[in-house]
């Protein structure tokens, strides 16, 4: 059974901590699962990832590179896997562009929707790991190597979080909002419930 699931949240929300467990839980239920990420997921995407995360650039260039990486990702990884009946889990996807470039940096929402039309594939389900920004920043405080997004100030991440909430409001049926401020075992309980409804 093909299924496209995305994990979203601000830096420090903890989504990456749970992604491998979630994938393994689906595999235990008989699903053929591949895990990928954005930006990245392909050789070209990884090169673009390094540029976007580390080189200063204009907002327009940043958004276009994100979507260029995404289109390559869809054509080379996501679509073929879905057509082969696999379950694809991606660490970030289009919602991240709306949250970071739209909410965080203030890019016009409608322009992002136009770019999104190029992508062509929408997730079946998106898990949004929601957490107060002060908690997320505390979790990142021990990381000595921060990319240019992670180096942003708290106000930026408040706007990013608001961008995610706007996306949830626009498409509530697709999203599952995870209270990521809870202890790890409590977050896993939320995910276990979701796994049980997928397979």
Protein backbone atom coordinates (compact mmCIF):
# COMPACT_ATOMS: atom_id res chain seq x y z
CA UNK A 1 0.00 0.00 0.00
CA UNK A 2 1.64 3.23 -1.13
CA UNK A 3 1.44 6.12 1.30
CA UNK A 4 3.24 9.47 1.42
CA UNK A 5 3.80 10.77 4.95
CA UNK A 6 5.72 13.91 5.89
CA UNK A 7 7.21 15.05 9.19
CA UNK A 8 7.20 18.80 9.88
CA UNK A 9 8.11 21.18 12.70
CA UNK A 10 10.45 23.96 13.70
CA UNK A 11 14.12 23.20 14.30
CA UNK A 12 14.36 21.57 17.72
CA UNK A 13 10.81 20.18 17.70
CA UNK A 14 12.16 16.63 17.86
CA UNK A 15 10.63 15.20 14.70
CA UNK A 16 13.88 13.65 13.48
CA UNK A 17 14.26 11.87 16.83
CA UNK A 18 11.06 9.91 16.18
CA UNK A 19 11.21 9.43 12.42
CA UNK A 20 13.31 6.24 12.39
CA UNK A 21 11.13 4.63 15.07
CA UNK A 22 7.98 5.53 13.13
CA UNK A 23 9.38 4.02 9.94
CA UNK A 24 10.37 0.83 11.76
CA UNK A 25 6.91 0.59 13.34
CA UNK A 26 5.34 0.69 9.88
CA UNK A 27 7.80 -1.92 8.60
CA UNK A 28 6.81 -4.22 11.47
CA UNK A 29 3.26 -3.98 10.14
CA UNK A 30 4.36 -5.17 6.73
CA UNK A 31 4.83 -1.93 4.84
CA UNK A 32 7.78 -1.37 2.50
CA UNK A 33 9.08 1.97 3.79
CA UNK A 34 11.70 4.37 2.48
CA UNK A 35 12.86 7.42 4.44
CA UNK A 36 14.11 10.58 2.77
CA UNK A 37 14.53 14.27 3.57
CA UNK A 38 14.27 17.84 2.33
CA UNK A 39 16.08 19.77 1.24
CA UNK A 40 18.01 16.87 -0.23
CA UNK A 41 16.93 13.33 -0.98
CA UNK A 42 18.84 13.13 -4.29
CA UNK A 43 22.45 13.87 -5.29
CA UNK A 44 21.37 17.20 -6.80
CA UNK A 45 19.12 17.90 -3.84
CA UNK A 46 21.97 17.36 -1.39
CA UNK A 47 24.10 19.87 -3.29
CA UNK A 48 21.25 22.38 -3.20
CA UNK A 49 20.76 21.63 0.50
CA UNK A 50 24.34 22.61 1.26
CA UNK A 51 23.86 25.88 -0.63
CA UNK A 52 20.53 26.78 0.97
CA UNK A 53 21.60 25.97 4.51
CA UNK A 54 24.97 27.65 4.42
CA UNK A 55 25.20 30.39 1.77
CA UNK A 56 23.56 33.81 2.12
CA UNK A 57 21.08 34.46 -0.71
CA UNK A 58 17.98 36.42 -1.60
CA UNK A 59 14.57 35.19 -0.46
CA UNK A 60 13.50 34.48 -4.03
CA UNK A 61 16.60 32.42 -4.73
CA UNK A 62 16.16 30.53 -1.46
CA UNK A 63 12.56 29.60 -2.29
CA UNK A 64 13.34 28.64 -5.88
CA UNK A 65 16.23 26.40 -4.81
CA UNK A 66 14.00 24.71 -2.25
CA UNK A 67 11.40 23.93 -4.89
CA UNK A 68 14.03 22.92 -7.46
CA UNK A 69 15.33 20.38 -4.97
CA UNK A 70 11.75 19.27 -4.25
CA UNK A 71 10.83 18.72 -7.89
CA UNK A 72 13.96 16.60 -8.40
CA UNK A 73 13.09 14.73 -5.21
CA UNK A 74 9.57 13.97 -6.45
CA UNK A 75 10.70 12.81 -9.89
CA UNK A 76 13.68 10.74 -8.78
CA UNK A 77 12.57 9.31 -5.43
CA UNK A 78 9.03 9.96 -4.23
CA UNK A 79 6.91 9.27 -7.33
CA UNK A 80 8.80 6.08 -8.37
CA UNK A 81 8.55 4.72 -4.81
CA UNK A 82 4.83 5.40 -4.59
CA UNK A 83 4.23 3.83 -7.99
CA UNK A 84 6.09 0.76 -6.74
CA UNK A 85 3.67 0.52 -3.80
CA UNK A 86 6.10 1.76 -1.17
CA UNK A 87 5.41 4.00 1.82
CA UNK A 88 7.51 7.18 1.64
CA UNK A 89 8.33 9.16 4.78
CA UNK A 90 9.99 12.53 4.20
CA UNK A 91 11.62 14.69 6.84
CA UNK A 92 10.08 17.98 5.61
CA UNK A 93 8.33 18.77 2.33
CA UNK A 94 6.33 21.67 0.88
CA UNK A 95 4.85 22.78 4.21
CA UNK A 96 8.37 23.71 5.32
CA UNK A 97 8.61 26.27 2.51
CA UNK A 98 5.37 27.89 3.60
CA UNK A 99 6.52 27.91 7.22
CA UNK A 100 10.12 29.08 6.70
CA UNK A 101 10.07 31.18 3.54
CA UNK A 102 6.44 32.26 3.98
CA UNK A 103 5.98 32.59 7.72
CA UNK A 104 9.58 33.13 8.78
CA UNK A 105 10.86 35.31 5.95
CA UNK A 106 7.58 36.86 4.81
CA UNK A 107 7.39 35.59 1.24
CA UNK A 108 4.00 36.02 -0.39
CA UNK A 109 1.82 33.00 0.38
CA UNK A 110 0.25 32.97 -3.09
CA UNK A 111 3.65 32.86 -4.79
CA UNK A 112 4.49 29.81 -2.73
CA UNK A 113 1.22 28.19 -3.77
CA UNK A 114 2.14 28.79 -7.41
CA UNK A 115 5.49 27.08 -6.86
CA UNK A 116 3.74 24.25 -5.04
CA UNK A 117 1.68 23.53 -8.16
CA UNK A 118 4.88 22.48 -9.95
CA UNK A 119 5.52 19.72 -7.42
CA UNK A 120 2.44 17.71 -8.30
CA UNK A 121 2.31 15.33 -5.32
CA UNK A 122 0.61 16.09 -2.02
CA UNK A 123 1.25 14.10 1.17
CA UNK A 124 -1.45 11.71 2.33
CA UNK A 125 -0.65 12.64 5.93
CA UNK A 126 1.56 15.21 7.63
CA UNK A 127 2.72 14.90 11.22
CA UNK A 128 3.34 18.39 12.61
CA UNK A 129 5.52 18.30 15.72
CA UNK A 130 4.36 21.40 17.55
CA UNK A 131 6.40 22.81 20.39
CA UNK A 132 6.77 26.21 22.13
CA UNK A 133 9.71 28.05 20.62
CA UNK A 134 11.53 28.43 23.93
CA UNK A 135 11.54 24.63 24.28
CA UNK A 136 12.82 24.16 20.73
CA UNK A 137 15.60 26.71 21.24
CA UNK A 138 16.67 25.04 24.46
CA UNK A 139 16.96 21.72 22.65
CA UNK A 140 19.20 23.32 20.03
CA UNK A 141 21.42 25.08 22.57
CA UNK A 142 23.85 22.15 22.82
CA UNK A 143 24.35 21.99 19.06
CA UNK A 144 27.65 23.71 18.26
CA UNK A 145 27.21 23.54 14.48
CA UNK A 146 24.10 25.47 13.48
CA UNK A 147 23.08 26.19 9.88
CA UNK A 148 21.88 29.65 8.87
CA UNK A 149 18.25 28.80 9.66
CA UNK A 150 19.04 27.39 13.09
CA UNK A 151 21.02 30.57 13.85
CA UNK A 152 17.92 32.75 13.47
CA UNK A 153 16.43 34.48 16.50
CA UNK A 154 13.36 33.41 18.45
CA UNK A 155 11.08 35.88 16.66
CA UNK A 156 11.84 34.18 13.35
CA UNK A 157 10.83 30.79 14.73
CA UNK A 158 7.64 32.21 16.21
CA UNK A 159 6.71 33.28 12.67
CA UNK A 160 7.71 29.86 11.33
CA UNK A 161 5.49 28.15 13.90
CA UNK A 162 2.63 30.48 12.97
CA UNK A 163 3.20 29.54 9.32
CA UNK A 164 2.81 25.89 10.18
CA UNK A 165 -0.38 26.59 12.08
CA UNK A 166 -1.71 28.47 9.06
CA UNK A 167 -1.06 25.41 6.90
CA UNK A 168 -2.83 23.18 9.44
CA UNK A 169 -5.84 25.50 9.33
CA UNK A 170 -5.88 25.38 5.52
CA UNK A 171 -5.80 21.58 5.34
CA UNK A 172 -6.85 20.12 8.72
CA UNK A 173 -7.75 16.68 7.35
CA UNK A 174 -4.17 16.04 6.25
CA UNK A 175 -2.43 17.08 9.46
CA UNK A 176 -1.91 15.25 12.72
CA UNK A 177 -0.65 17.72 15.32
CA UNK A 178 1.80 16.14 17.77
CA UNK A 179 2.38 17.77 21.16
CA UNK A 180 6.17 17.61 20.93
CA UNK A 181 6.76 19.42 24.23
CA UNK A 182 5.88 16.25 26.13
CA UNK A 183 8.36 13.62 27.30
CA UNK A 184 9.70 11.23 24.64
CA UNK A 185 7.55 8.32 25.75
CA UNK A 186 4.43 10.48 25.67
CA UNK A 187 5.24 11.66 22.15
CA UNK A 188 5.75 8.03 21.15
CA UNK A 189 2.31 7.18 22.53
CA UNK A 190 0.80 9.75 20.16
CA UNK A 191 2.74 8.26 17.26
CA UNK A 192 1.78 4.69 18.19
CA UNK A 193 -1.88 5.66 17.90
CA UNK A 194 -1.25 7.09 14.43
CA UNK A 195 0.69 4.01 13.30
CA UNK A 196 -2.23 1.84 14.31
CA UNK A 197 -4.52 3.73 11.98
CA UNK A 198 -2.16 3.59 9.00
CA UNK A 199 -1.51 -0.13 8.76
